[in-house]
Amino acid sequence: MGSQAFGLAKELGDTSTQINLLLTLRSSYGIDDFRKSDERLQEALELCQERQDKLTELRLLEATGEVMEREGDYYRFLTEIHQQRLKITREIGYRFEEGLAQLFCAQIQGLYLGDYENAWN
């Protein structure tokens, strides 16, 4: 049904719904099929670049980060995902997400990268 809904959204040119459905389809594959999950994420990223939508970009960064975390690429996970999320949330004034982005930056820096002293700066 999700694929049919995606086809209909594509036919109607509803990019926002297409991205939401791609992320939902991606989640449905979960850890059972990383290849298909990553393909749906890539499709969503391509659509997001066309839209220039900061809120959608935040969601896609989070989804992209899951791949980096799964692969153990913690430095890129920090710099390309969560620091970028922090920057975007500050640009658009989304305080709640800004707090979460700061929390994740500190967690990754302290727990994954072992930089305990600078994690909360």
PDB file of N, CA and C in Angstrom:
ATOM      1  N   MET A   1       0.824  -1.189   0.000  1.00  0.00           N
ATOM      2  CA  MET A   1       0.000   0.000   0.000  1.00  0.00           C
ATOM      3  C   MET A   1       0.868   1.253   0.000  1.00  0.00           C
ATOM      4  N   GLY A   2       1.995   1.178   0.712  1.00  0.00           N
ATOM      5  CA  GLY A   2       2.879   2.338   0.755  1.00  0.00           C
ATOM      6  C   GLY A   2       3.433   2.674  -0.614  1.00  0.00           C
ATOM      7  N   SER A   3       3.781   1.646  -1.374  1.00  0.00           N
ATOM      8  CA  SER A   3       4.298   1.871  -2.726  1.00  0.00           C
ATOM      9  C   SER A   3       3.230   2.466  -3.629  1.00  0.00           C
ATOM     10  N   GLN A   4       1.996   2.024  -3.471  1.00  0.00           N
ATOM     11  CA  GLN A   4       0.891   2.576  -4.260  1.00  0.00           C
ATOM     12  C   GLN A   4       0.664   4.039  -3.891  1.00  0.00           C
ATOM     13  N   ALA A   5       0.697   4.339  -2.600  1.00  0.00           N
ATOM     14  CA  ALA A   5       0.519   5.721  -2.144  1.00  0.00           C
ATOM     15  C   ALA A   5       1.643   6.598  -2.672  1.00  0.00           C
ATOM     16  N   PHE A   6       2.860   6.060  -2.681  1.00  0.00           N
ATOM     17  CA  PHE A   6       3.990   6.817  -3.218  1.00  0.00           C
ATOM     18  C   PHE A   6       3.773   7.108  -4.706  1.00  0.00           C
ATOM     19  N   GLY A   7       3.327   6.107  -5.449  1.00  0.00           N
ATOM     20  CA  GLY A   7       3.063   6.296  -6.879  1.00  0.00           C
ATOM     21  C   GLY A   7       2.020   7.371  -7.121  1.00  0.00           C
ATOM     22  N   LEU A   8       0.982   7.376  -6.308  1.00  0.00           N
ATOM     23  CA  LEU A   8      -0.064   8.393  -6.428  1.00  0.00           C
ATOM     24  C   LEU A   8       0.480   9.780  -6.093  1.00  0.00           C
ATOM     25  N   ALA A   9       1.258   9.888  -5.028  1.00  0.00           N
ATOM     26  CA  ALA A   9       1.860  11.175  -4.649  1.00  0.00           C
ATOM     27  C   ALA A   9       2.789  11.678  -5.747  1.00  0.00           C
ATOM     28  N   LYS A  10       3.511  10.767  -6.365  1.00  0.00           N
ATOM     29  CA  LYS A  10       4.415  11.136  -7.459  1.00  0.00           C
ATOM     30  C   LYS A  10       3.619  11.636  -8.656  1.00  0.00           C
ATOM     31  N   GLU A  11       2.542  10.930  -8.952  1.00  0.00           N
ATOM     32  CA  GLU A  11       1.662  11.309 -10.056  1.00  0.00           C
ATOM     33  C   GLU A  11       1.079  12.708  -9.838  1.00  0.00           C
ATOM     34  N   LEU A  12       0.750  13.018  -8.583  1.00  0.00           N
ATOM     35  CA  LEU A  12       0.169  14.314  -8.239  1.00  0.00           C
ATOM     36  C   LEU A  12       1.225  15.405  -8.058  1.00  0.00           C
ATOM     37  N   GLY A  13       2.492  15.010  -8.018  1.00  0.00           N
ATOM     38  CA  GLY A  13       3.565  15.978  -7.841  1.00  0.00           C
ATOM     39  C   GLY A  13       3.688  16.496  -6.420  1.00  0.00           C
ATOM     40  N   ASP A  14       3.222  15.724  -5.455  1.00  0.00           N
ATOM     41  CA  ASP A  14       3.258  16.115  -4.045  1.00  0.00           C
ATOM     42  C   ASP A  14       4.578  15.642  -3.422  1.00  0.00           C
ATOM     43  N   THR A  15       5.593  16.497  -3.500  1.00  0.00           N
ATOM     44  CA  THR A  15       6.930  16.141  -3.043  1.00  0.00           C
ATOM     45  C   THR A  15       6.979  15.857  -1.552  1.00  0.00           C
ATOM     46  N   SER A  16       6.276  16.660  -0.766  1.00  0.00           N
ATOM     47  CA  SER A  16       6.287  16.472   0.681  1.00  0.00           C
ATOM     48  C   SER A  16       5.765  15.085   1.059  1.00  0.00           C
ATOM     49  N   THR A  17       4.659  14.682   0.468  1.00  0.00           N
ATOM     50  CA  THR A  17       4.101  13.359   0.751  1.00  0.00           C
ATOM     51  C   THR A  17       5.031  12.264   0.245  1.00  0.00           C
ATOM     52  N   GLN A  18       5.667  12.481  -0.892  1.00  0.00           N
ATOM     53  CA  GLN A  18       6.613  11.497  -1.412  1.00  0.00           C
ATOM     54  C   GLN A  18       7.745  11.258  -0.422  1.00  0.00           C
ATOM     55  N   ILE A  19       8.291  12.337   0.123  1.00  0.00           N
ATOM     56  CA  ILE A  19       9.391  12.216   1.083  1.00  0.00           C
ATOM     57  C   ILE A  19       8.919  11.482   2.331  1.00  0.00           C
ATOM     58  N   ASN A  20       7.753  11.869   2.846  1.00  0.00           N
ATOM     59  CA  ASN A  20       7.213  11.207   4.040  1.00  0.00           C
ATOM     60  C   ASN A  20       7.002   9.715   3.797  1.00  0.00           C
ATOM     61  N   LEU A  21       6.474   9.377   2.636  1.00  0.00           N
ATOM     62  CA  LEU A  21       6.239   7.962   2.318  1.00  0.00           C
ATOM     63  C   LEU A  21       7.551   7.203   2.138  1.00  0.00           C
ATOM     64  N   LEU A  22       8.535   7.846   1.519  1.00  0.00           N
ATOM     65  CA  LEU A  22       9.832   7.182   1.367  1.00  0.00           C
ATOM     66  C   LEU A  22      10.464   6.893   2.723  1.00  0.00           C
ATOM     67  N   LEU A  23      10.340   7.827   3.653  1.00  0.00           N
ATOM     68  CA  LEU A  23      10.887   7.602   4.993  1.00  0.00           C
ATOM     69  C   LEU A  23      10.115   6.499   5.714  1.00  0.00           C
ATOM     70  N   THR A  24       8.805   6.453   5.497  1.00  0.00           N
ATOM     71  CA  THR A  24       7.996   5.396   6.105  1.00  0.00           C
ATOM     72  C   THR A  24       8.357   4.038   5.504  1.00  0.00           C
ATOM     73  N   LEU A  25       8.496   3.994   4.182  1.00  0.00           N
ATOM     74  CA  LEU A  25       8.895   2.742   3.525  1.00  0.00           C
ATOM     75  C   LEU A  25      10.282   2.314   4.004  1.00  0.00           C
ATOM     76  N   ARG A  26      11.167   3.283   4.152  1.00  0.00           N
ATOM     77  CA  ARG A  26      12.516   2.999   4.643  1.00  0.00           C
ATOM     78  C   ARG A  26      12.444   2.336   6.010  1.00  0.00           C
ATOM     79  N   SER A  27      11.617   2.876   6.881  1.00  0.00           N
ATOM     80  CA  SER A  27      11.481   2.323   8.229  1.00  0.00           C
ATOM     81  C   SER A  27      10.900   0.917   8.207  1.00  0.00           C
ATOM     82  N   SER A  28      10.022   0.670   7.246  1.00  0.00           N
ATOM     83  CA  SER A  28       9.395  -0.653   7.183  1.00  0.00           C
ATOM     84  C   SER A  28      10.410  -1.744   6.840  1.00  0.00           C
ATOM     85  N   TYR A  29      11.466  -1.385   6.102  1.00  0.00           N
ATOM     86  CA  TYR A  29      12.505  -2.370   5.792  1.00  0.00           C
ATOM     87  C   TYR A  29      13.388  -2.617   7.013  1.00  0.00           C
ATOM     88  N   GLY A  30      13.623  -1.559   7.784  1.00  0.00           N
ATOM     89  CA  GLY A  30      14.393  -1.671   9.013  1.00  0.00           C
ATOM     90  C   GLY A  30      15.709  -2.385   8.821  1.00  0.00           C
ATOM     91  N   ILE A  31      16.062  -3.222   9.798  1.00  0.00           N
ATOM     92  CA  ILE A  31      17.338  -3.933   9.735  1.00  0.00           C
ATOM     93  C   ILE A  31      17.269  -5.197   8.883  1.00  0.00           C
ATOM     94  N   ASP A  32      16.066  -5.505   8.386  1.00  0.00           N
ATOM     95  CA  ASP A  32      15.917  -6.708   7.567  1.00  0.00           C
ATOM     96  C   ASP A  32      16.514  -6.539   6.182  1.00  0.00           C
ATOM     97  N   ASP A  33      16.490  -5.309   5.661  1.00  0.00           N
ATOM     98  CA  ASP A  33      17.000  -5.080   4.312  1.00  0.00           C
ATOM     99  C   ASP A  33      17.611  -3.681   4.230  1.00  0.00           C
ATOM    100  N   PHE A  34      18.875  -3.568   4.640  1.00  0.00           N
ATOM    101  CA  PHE A  34      19.543  -2.274   4.645  1.00  0.00           C
ATOM    102  C   PHE A  34      19.640  -1.670   3.250  1.00  0.00           C
ATOM    103  N   ARG A  35      19.833  -2.505   2.240  1.00  0.00           N
ATOM    104  CA  ARG A  35      19.988  -2.001   0.871  1.00  0.00           C
ATOM    105  C   ARG A  35      18.744  -1.244   0.435  1.00  0.00           C
ATOM    106  N   LYS A  36      17.571  -1.854   0.588  1.00  0.00           N
ATOM    107  CA  LYS A  36      16.327  -1.196   0.200  1.00  0.00           C
ATOM    108  C   LYS A  36      16.061   0.028   1.068  1.00  0.00           C
ATOM    109  N   SER A  37      16.366  -0.091   2.346  1.00  0.00           N
ATOM    110  CA  SER A  37      16.190   1.023   3.268  1.00  0.00           C
ATOM    111  C   SER A  37      17.037   2.217   2.831  1.00  0.00           C
ATOM    112  N   ASP A  38      18.289   1.966   2.496  1.00  0.00           N
ATOM    113  CA  ASP A  38      19.187   3.032   2.058  1.00  0.00           C
ATOM    114  C   ASP A  38      18.779   3.612   0.705  1.00  0.00           C
ATOM    115  N   GLU A  39      18.226   2.782  -0.174  1.00  0.00           N
ATOM    116  CA  GLU A  39      17.744   3.273  -1.469  1.00  0.00           C
ATOM    117  C   GLU A  39      16.594   4.260  -1.278  1.00  0.00           C
ATOM    118  N   ARG A  40      15.669   3.947  -0.374  1.00  0.00           N
ATOM    119  CA  ARG A  40      14.539   4.856  -0.112  1.00  0.00           C
ATOM    120  C   ARG A  40      15.043   6.164   0.484  1.00  0.00           C
ATOM    121  N   LEU A  41      16.041   6.077   1.350  1.00  0.00           N
ATOM    122  CA  LEU A  41      16.623   7.279   1.932  1.00  0.00           C
ATOM    123  C   LEU A  41      17.259   8.137   0.845  1.00  0.00           C
ATOM    124  N   GLN A  42      17.985   7.521  -0.058  1.00  0.00           N
ATOM    125  CA  GLN A  42      18.633   8.271  -1.148  1.00  0.00           C
ATOM    126  C   GLN A  42      17.598   8.969  -2.022  1.00  0.00           C
ATOM    127  N   GLU A  43      16.504   8.284  -2.329  1.00  0.00           N
ATOM    128  CA  GLU A  43      15.430   8.901  -3.101  1.00  0.00           C
ATOM    129  C   GLU A  43      14.864  10.119  -2.378  1.00  0.00           C
ATOM    130  N   ALA A  44      14.659   9.979  -1.066  1.00  0.00           N
ATOM    131  CA  ALA A  44      14.121  11.079  -0.264  1.00  0.00           C
ATOM    132  C   ALA A  44      15.095  12.257  -0.238  1.00  0.00           C
ATOM    133  N   LEU A  45      16.390  11.980  -0.136  1.00  0.00           N
ATOM    134  CA  LEU A  45      17.402  13.040  -0.133  1.00  0.00           C
ATOM    135  C   LEU A  45      17.379  13.819  -1.445  1.00  0.00           C
ATOM    136  N   GLU A  46      17.247  13.110  -2.547  1.00  0.00           N
ATOM    137  CA  GLU A  46      17.204  13.770  -3.857  1.00  0.00           C
ATOM    138  C   GLU A  46      15.983  14.684  -3.971  1.00  0.00           C
ATOM    139  N   LEU A  47      14.843  14.216  -3.483  1.00  0.00           N
ATOM    140  CA  LEU A  47      13.633  15.042  -3.520  1.00  0.00           C
ATOM    141  C   LEU A  47      13.760  16.256  -2.608  1.00  0.00           C
ATOM    142  N   CYS A  48      14.388  16.080  -1.463  1.00  0.00           N
ATOM    143  CA  CYS A  48      14.545  17.176  -0.503  1.00  0.00           C
ATOM    144  C   CYS A  48      15.426  18.276  -1.072  1.00  0.00           C
ATOM    145  N   GLN A  49      16.466  17.921  -1.807  1.00  0.00           N
ATOM    146  CA  GLN A  49      17.357  18.918  -2.396  1.00  0.00           C
ATOM    147  C   GLN A  49      16.600  19.827  -3.357  1.00  0.00           C
ATOM    148  N   GLU A  50      15.595  19.302  -4.012  1.00  0.00           N
ATOM    149  CA  GLU A  50      14.777  20.097  -4.923  1.00  0.00           C
ATOM    150  C   GLU A  50      13.897  21.098  -4.178  1.00  0.00           C
ATOM    151  N   ARG A  51      13.479  20.745  -2.955  1.00  0.00           N
ATOM    152  CA  ARG A  51      12.502  21.536  -2.203  1.00  0.00           C
ATOM    153  C   ARG A  51      13.087  22.668  -1.379  1.00  0.00           C
ATOM    154  N   GLN A  52      14.294  22.529  -0.884  1.00  0.00           N
ATOM    155  CA  GLN A  52      14.884  23.537   0.007  1.00  0.00           C
ATOM    156  C   GLN A  52      14.038  23.726   1.262  1.00  0.00           C
ATOM    157  N   ASP A  53      13.635  22.644   1.900  1.00  0.00           N
ATOM    158  CA  ASP A  53      12.786  22.661   3.088  1.00  0.00           C
ATOM    159  C   ASP A  53      13.639  22.253   4.291  1.00  0.00           C
ATOM    160  N   LYS A  54      13.858  23.193   5.213  1.00  0.00           N
ATOM    161  CA  LYS A  54      14.747  22.952   6.347  1.00  0.00           C
ATOM    162  C   LYS A  54      14.212  21.893   7.313  1.00  0.00           C
ATOM    163  N   LEU A  55      12.913  21.865   7.577  1.00  0.00           N
ATOM    164  CA  LEU A  55      12.357  20.859   8.489  1.00  0.00           C
ATOM    165  C   LEU A  55      12.513  19.452   7.919  1.00  0.00           C
ATOM    166  N   THR A  56      12.260  19.325   6.641  1.00  0.00           N
ATOM    167  CA  THR A  56      12.439  18.020   5.995  1.00  0.00           C
ATOM    168  C   THR A  56      13.916  17.642   5.995  1.00  0.00           C
ATOM    169  N   GLU A  57      14.772  18.629   5.786  1.00  0.00           N
ATOM    170  CA  GLU A  57      16.208  18.369   5.805  1.00  0.00           C
ATOM    171  C   GLU A  57      16.647  17.834   7.169  1.00  0.00           C
ATOM    172  N   LEU A  58      16.054  18.367   8.251  1.00  0.00           N
ATOM    173  CA  LEU A  58      16.369  17.865   9.590  1.00  0.00           C
ATOM    174  C   LEU A  58      16.016  16.390   9.722  1.00  0.00           C
ATOM    175  N   ARG A  59      14.838  16.007   9.236  1.00  0.00           N
ATOM    176  CA  ARG A  59      14.410  14.603   9.299  1.00  0.00           C
ATOM    177  C   ARG A  59      15.342  13.704   8.495  1.00  0.00           C
ATOM    178  N   LEU A  60      15.747  14.190   7.328  1.00  0.00           N
ATOM    179  CA  LEU A  60      16.613  13.382   6.476  1.00  0.00           C
ATOM    180  C   LEU A  60      18.028  13.271   7.042  1.00  0.00           C
ATOM    181  N   LEU A  61      18.497  14.332   7.670  1.00  0.00           N
ATOM    182  CA  LEU A  61      19.805  14.246   8.326  1.00  0.00           C
ATOM    183  C   LEU A  61      19.780  13.184   9.412  1.00  0.00           C
ATOM    184  N   GLU A  62      18.711  13.176  10.181  1.00  0.00           N
ATOM    185  CA  GLU A  62      18.582  12.175  11.240  1.00  0.00           C
ATOM    186  C   GLU A  62      18.594  10.761  10.655  1.00  0.00           C
ATOM    187  N   ALA A  63      17.874  10.566   9.563  1.00  0.00           N
ATOM    188  CA  ALA A  63      17.830   9.246   8.926  1.00  0.00           C
ATOM    189  C   ALA A  63      19.192   8.871   8.352  1.00  0.00           C
ATOM    190  N   THR A  64      19.894   9.831   7.771  1.00  0.00           N
ATOM    191  CA  THR A  64      21.225   9.579   7.224  1.00  0.00           C
ATOM    192  C   THR A  64      22.199   9.233   8.344  1.00  0.00           C
ATOM    193  N   GLY A  65      22.019   9.886   9.478  1.00  0.00           N
ATOM    194  CA  GLY A  65      22.874   9.624  10.624  1.00  0.00           C
ATOM    195  C   GLY A  65      22.774   8.198  11.123  1.00  0.00           C
ATOM    196  N   GLU A  66      21.589   7.617  10.995  1.00  0.00           N
ATOM    197  CA  GLU A  66      21.410   6.228  11.422  1.00  0.00           C
ATOM    198  C   GLU A  66      22.349   5.307  10.662  1.00  0.00           C
ATOM    199  N   VAL A  67      22.545   5.598   9.380  1.00  0.00           N
ATOM    200  CA  VAL A  67      23.442   4.776   8.562  1.00  0.00           C
ATOM    201  C   VAL A  67      24.878   4.937   9.051  1.00  0.00           C
ATOM    202  N   MET A  68      25.294   6.184   9.309  1.00  0.00           N
ATOM    203  CA  MET A  68      26.664   6.425   9.777  1.00  0.00           C
ATOM    204  C   MET A  68      26.905   5.786  11.140  1.00  0.00           C
ATOM    205  N   GLU A  69      25.923   5.889  12.013  1.00  0.00           N
ATOM    206  CA  GLU A  69      26.062   5.291  13.341  1.00  0.00           C
ATOM    207  C   GLU A  69      26.168   3.773  13.220  1.00  0.00           C
ATOM    208  N   ARG A  70      25.343   3.194  12.376  1.00  0.00           N
ATOM    209  CA  ARG A  70      25.362   1.741  12.173  1.00  0.00           C
ATOM    210  C   ARG A  70      26.720   1.279  11.667  1.00  0.00           C
ATOM    211  N   GLU A  71      27.360   2.109  10.821  1.00  0.00           N
ATOM    212  CA  GLU A  71      28.656   1.754  10.251  1.00  0.00           C
ATOM    213  C   GLU A  71      29.825   2.126  11.163  1.00  0.00           C
ATOM    214  N   GLY A  72      29.528   2.792  12.295  1.00  0.00           N
ATOM    215  CA  GLY A  72      30.581   3.159  13.240  1.00  0.00           C
ATOM    216  C   GLY A  72      31.374   4.383  12.828  1.00  0.00           C
ATOM    217  N   ASP A  73      30.845   5.178  11.924  1.00  0.00           N
ATOM    218  CA  ASP A  73      31.524   6.391  11.445  1.00  0.00           C
ATOM    219  C   ASP A  73      31.115   7.564  12.329  1.00  0.00           C
ATOM    220  N   TYR A  74      31.598   7.560  13.580  1.00  0.00           N
ATOM    221  CA  TYR A  74      31.113   8.499  14.590  1.00  0.00           C
ATOM    222  C   TYR A  74      31.568   9.931  14.370  1.00  0.00           C
ATOM    223  N   TYR A  75      32.753  10.114  13.826  1.00  0.00           N
ATOM    224  CA  TYR A  75      33.209  11.488  13.583  1.00  0.00           C
ATOM    225  C   TYR A  75      32.321  12.171  12.539  1.00  0.00           C
ATOM    226  N   ARG A  76      32.069  11.489  11.437  1.00  0.00           N
ATOM    227  CA  ARG A  76      31.160  12.045  10.414  1.00  0.00           C
ATOM    228  C   ARG A  76      29.749  12.180  10.971  1.00  0.00           C
ATOM    229  N   PHE A  77      29.336  11.245  11.803  1.00  0.00           N
ATOM    230  CA  PHE A  77      28.030  11.286  12.455  1.00  0.00           C
ATOM    231  C   PHE A  77      27.892  12.581  13.249  1.00  0.00           C
ATOM    232  N   LEU A  78      28.960  12.976  13.928  1.00  0.00           N
ATOM    233  CA  LEU A  78      28.964  14.226  14.691  1.00  0.00           C
ATOM    234  C   LEU A  78      28.998  15.439  13.769  1.00  0.00           C
ATOM    235  N   THR A  79      29.987  15.479  12.874  1.00  0.00           N
ATOM    236  CA  THR A  79      30.223  16.699  12.098  1.00  0.00           C
ATOM    237  C   THR A  79      29.223  16.915  10.966  1.00  0.00           C
ATOM    238  N   GLU A  80      28.869  15.858  10.258  1.00  0.00           N
ATOM    239  CA  GLU A  80      27.995  16.025   9.094  1.00  0.00           C
ATOM    240  C   GLU A  80      26.510  15.937   9.420  1.00  0.00           C
ATOM    241  N   ILE A  81      26.181  15.313  10.543  1.00  0.00           N
ATOM    242  CA  ILE A  81      24.770  15.133  10.872  1.00  0.00           C
ATOM    243  C   ILE A  81      24.361  16.057  12.013  1.00  0.00           C
ATOM    244  N   HIS A  82      24.865  15.792  13.200  1.00  0.00           N
ATOM    245  CA  HIS A  82      24.332  16.502  14.365  1.00  0.00           C
ATOM    246  C   HIS A  82      24.813  17.947  14.470  1.00  0.00           C
ATOM    247  N   GLN A  83      26.026  18.234  14.062  1.00  0.00           N
ATOM    248  CA  GLN A  83      26.433  19.639  14.051  1.00  0.00           C
ATOM    249  C   GLN A  83      25.686  20.405  12.962  1.00  0.00           C
ATOM    250  N   GLN A  84      25.388  19.745  11.858  1.00  0.00           N
ATOM    251  CA  GLN A  84      24.586  20.363  10.797  1.00  0.00           C
ATOM    252  C   GLN A  84      23.155  20.576  11.278  1.00  0.00           C
ATOM    253  N   ARG A  85      22.605  19.609  12.003  1.00  0.00           N
ATOM    254  CA  ARG A  85      21.265  19.768  12.579  1.00  0.00           C
ATOM    255  C   ARG A  85      21.235  20.943  13.544  1.00  0.00           C
ATOM    256  N   LEU A  86      22.279  21.065  14.346  1.00  0.00           N
ATOM    257  CA  LEU A  86      22.371  22.174  15.292  1.00  0.00           C
ATOM    258  C   LEU A  86      22.379  23.509  14.547  1.00  0.00           C
ATOM    259  N   LYS A  87      23.135  23.582  13.486  1.00  0.00           N
ATOM    260  CA  LYS A  87      23.214  24.810  12.679  1.00  0.00           C
ATOM    261  C   LYS A  87      21.846  25.172  12.093  1.00  0.00           C
ATOM    262  N   ILE A  88      21.168  24.195  11.522  1.00  0.00           N
ATOM    263  CA  ILE A  88      19.855  24.453  10.898  1.00  0.00           C
ATOM    264  C   ILE A  88      18.826  24.875  11.941  1.00  0.00           C
ATOM    265  N   THR A  89      18.802  24.190  13.080  1.00  0.00           N
ATOM    266  CA  THR A  89      17.810  24.544  14.107  1.00  0.00           C
ATOM    267  C   THR A  89      18.034  25.955  14.618  1.00  0.00           C
ATOM    268  N   ARG A  90      19.275  26.372  14.695  1.00  0.00           N
ATOM    269  CA  ARG A  90      19.558  27.755  15.107  1.00  0.00           C
ATOM    270  C   ARG A  90      19.136  28.747  14.039  1.00  0.00           C
ATOM    271  N   GLU A  91      19.340  28.393  12.768  1.00  0.00           N
ATOM    272  CA  GLU A  91      18.928  29.266  11.663  1.00  0.00           C
ATOM    273  C   GLU A  91      17.420  29.507  11.660  1.00  0.00           C
ATOM    274  N   ILE A  92      16.653  28.446  11.911  1.00  0.00           N
ATOM    275  CA  ILE A  92      15.200  28.574  11.817  1.00  0.00           C
ATOM    276  C   ILE A  92      14.543  28.831  13.173  1.00  0.00           C
ATOM    277  N   GLY A  93      15.331  28.856  14.245  1.00  0.00           N
ATOM    278  CA  GLY A  93      14.795  29.156  15.569  1.00  0.00           C
ATOM    279  C   GLY A  93      13.960  28.045  16.178  1.00  0.00           C
ATOM    280  N   TYR A  94      14.291  26.822  15.890  1.00  0.00           N
ATOM    281  CA  TYR A  94      13.554  25.661  16.394  1.00  0.00           C
ATOM    282  C   TYR A  94      14.238  25.198  17.676  1.00  0.00           C
ATOM    283  N   ARG A  95      13.891  25.823  18.789  1.00  0.00           N
ATOM    284  CA  ARG A  95      14.601  25.642  20.053  1.00  0.00           C
ATOM    285  C   ARG A  95      14.558  24.217  20.586  1.00  0.00           C
ATOM    286  N   PHE A  96      13.430  23.559  20.499  1.00  0.00           N
ATOM    287  CA  PHE A  96      13.335  22.188  21.015  1.00  0.00           C
ATOM    288  C   PHE A  96      14.321  21.280  20.297  1.00  0.00           C
ATOM    289  N   GLU A  97      14.328  21.320  18.981  1.00  0.00           N
ATOM    290  CA  GLU A  97      15.255  20.479  18.209  1.00  0.00           C
ATOM    291  C   GLU A  97      16.694  20.924  18.408  1.00  0.00           C
ATOM    292  N   GLU A  98      16.896  22.215  18.657  1.00  0.00           N
ATOM    293  CA  GLU A  98      18.249  22.701  18.927  1.00  0.00           C
ATOM    294  C   GLU A  98      18.802  22.032  20.189  1.00  0.00           C
ATOM    295  N   GLY A  99      17.954  21.938  21.215  1.00  0.00           N
ATOM    296  CA  GLY A  99      18.372  21.277  22.443  1.00  0.00           C
ATOM    297  C   GLY A  99      18.714  19.815  22.213  1.00  0.00           C
ATOM    298  N   LEU A 100      17.888  19.136  21.416  1.00  0.00           N
ATOM    299  CA  LEU A 100      18.176  17.729  21.106  1.00  0.00           C
ATOM    300  C   LEU A 100      19.466  17.586  20.312  1.00  0.00           C
ATOM    301  N   ALA A 101      19.674  18.487  19.357  1.00  0.00           N
ATOM    302  CA  ALA A 101      20.902  18.435  18.557  1.00  0.00           C
ATOM    303  C   ALA A 101      22.127  18.656  19.447  1.00  0.00           C
ATOM    304  N   GLN A 102      22.042  19.590  20.400  1.00  0.00           N
ATOM    305  CA  GLN A 102      23.155  19.813  21.325  1.00  0.00           C
ATOM    306  C   GLN A 102      23.410  18.564  22.174  1.00  0.00           C
ATOM    307  N   LEU A 103      22.333  17.953  22.629  1.00  0.00           N
ATOM    308  CA  LEU A 103      22.450  16.737  23.430  1.00  0.00           C
ATOM    309  C   LEU A 103      23.160  15.637  22.649  1.00  0.00           C
ATOM    310  N   PHE A 104      22.743  15.419  21.402  1.00  0.00           N
ATOM    311  CA  PHE A 104      23.366  14.377  20.590  1.00  0.00           C
ATOM    312  C   PHE A 104      24.824  14.698  20.285  1.00  0.00           C
ATOM    313  N   CYS A 105      25.127  15.962  20.028  1.00  0.00           N
ATOM    314  CA  CYS A 105      26.531  16.339  19.787  1.00  0.00           C
ATOM    315  C   CYS A 105      27.384  15.979  21.002  1.00  0.00           C
ATOM    316  N   ALA A 106      26.894  16.314  22.190  1.00  0.00           N
ATOM    317  CA  ALA A 106      27.641  16.025  23.412  1.00  0.00           C
ATOM    318  C   ALA A 106      27.775  14.519  23.633  1.00  0.00           C
ATOM    319  N   GLN A 107      26.700  13.778  23.394  1.00  0.00           N
ATOM    320  CA  GLN A 107      26.753  12.321  23.562  1.00  0.00           C
ATOM    321  C   GLN A 107      27.777  11.690  22.634  1.00  0.00           C
ATOM    322  N   ILE A 108      27.738  12.072  21.377  1.00  0.00           N
ATOM    323  CA  ILE A 108      28.653  11.470  20.398  1.00  0.00           C
ATOM    324  C   ILE A 108      30.090  11.835  20.733  1.00  0.00           C
ATOM    325  N   GLN A 109      30.294  13.116  21.039  1.00  0.00           N
ATOM    326  CA  GLN A 109      31.647  13.567  21.335  1.00  0.00           C
ATOM    327  C   GLN A 109      32.185  12.884  22.598  1.00  0.00           C
ATOM    328  N   GLY A 110      31.353  12.783  23.623  1.00  0.00           N
ATOM    329  CA  GLY A 110      31.813  12.202  24.881  1.00  0.00           C
ATOM    330  C   GLY A 110      31.845  10.689  24.882  1.00  0.00           C
ATOM    331  N   LEU A 111      30.740  10.064  24.485  1.00  0.00           N
ATOM    332  CA  LEU A 111      30.636   8.606  24.589  1.00  0.00           C
ATOM    333  C   LEU A 111      31.306   7.866  23.436  1.00  0.00           C
ATOM    334  N   TYR A 112      31.031   8.296  22.203  1.00  0.00           N
ATOM    335  CA  TYR A 112      31.575   7.568  21.057  1.00  0.00           C
ATOM    336  C   TYR A 112      33.020   7.941  20.750  1.00  0.00           C
ATOM    337  N   LEU A 113      33.343   9.244  20.901  1.00  0.00           N
ATOM    338  CA  LEU A 113      34.677   9.693  20.529  1.00  0.00           C
ATOM    339  C   LEU A 113      35.609   9.845  21.728  1.00  0.00           C
ATOM    340  N   GLY A 114      35.067   9.715  22.953  1.00  0.00           N
ATOM    341  CA  GLY A 114      35.891   9.728  24.152  1.00  0.00           C
ATOM    342  C   GLY A 114      36.421  11.089  24.575  1.00  0.00           C
ATOM    343  N   ASP A 115      35.875  12.159  24.024  1.00  0.00           N
ATOM    344  CA  ASP A 115      36.314  13.517  24.375  1.00  0.00           C
ATOM    345  C   ASP A 115      35.411  14.052  25.478  1.00  0.00           C
ATOM    346  N   TYR A 116      35.608  13.546  26.705  1.00  0.00           N
ATOM    347  CA  TYR A 116      34.735  13.859  27.819  1.00  0.00           C
ATOM    348  C   TYR A 116      34.794  15.321  28.246  1.00  0.00           C
ATOM    349  N   GLU A 117      35.983  15.890  28.240  1.00  0.00           N
ATOM    350  CA  GLU A 117      36.129  17.268  28.713  1.00  0.00           C
ATOM    351  C   GLU A 117      35.434  18.279  27.827  1.00  0.00           C
ATOM    352  N   ASN A 118      35.486  18.079  26.517  1.00  0.00           N
ATOM    353  CA  ASN A 118      34.910  19.058  25.596  1.00  0.00           C
ATOM    354  C   ASN A 118      33.485  18.729  25.162  1.00  0.00           C
ATOM    355  N   ALA A 119      32.949  17.635  25.641  1.00  0.00           N
ATOM    356  CA  ALA A 119      31.622  17.193  25.181  1.00  0.00           C
ATOM    357  C   ALA A 119      30.523  18.202  25.494  1.00  0.00           C
ATOM    358  N   TRP A 120      30.642  18.919  26.582  1.00  0.00           N
ATOM    359  CA  TRP A 120      29.565  19.842  26.973  1.00  0.00           C
ATOM    360  C   TRP A 120      29.893  21.288  26.680  1.00  0.00           C
ATOM    361  N   ASN A 121      30.940  21.534  25.934  1.00  0.00           N
ATOM    362  CA  ASN A 121      31.280  22.926  25.572  1.00  0.00           C
ATOM    363  C   ASN A 121      30.624  23.340  24.300  1.00  0.00           C
TER     364      ASN A 121
END
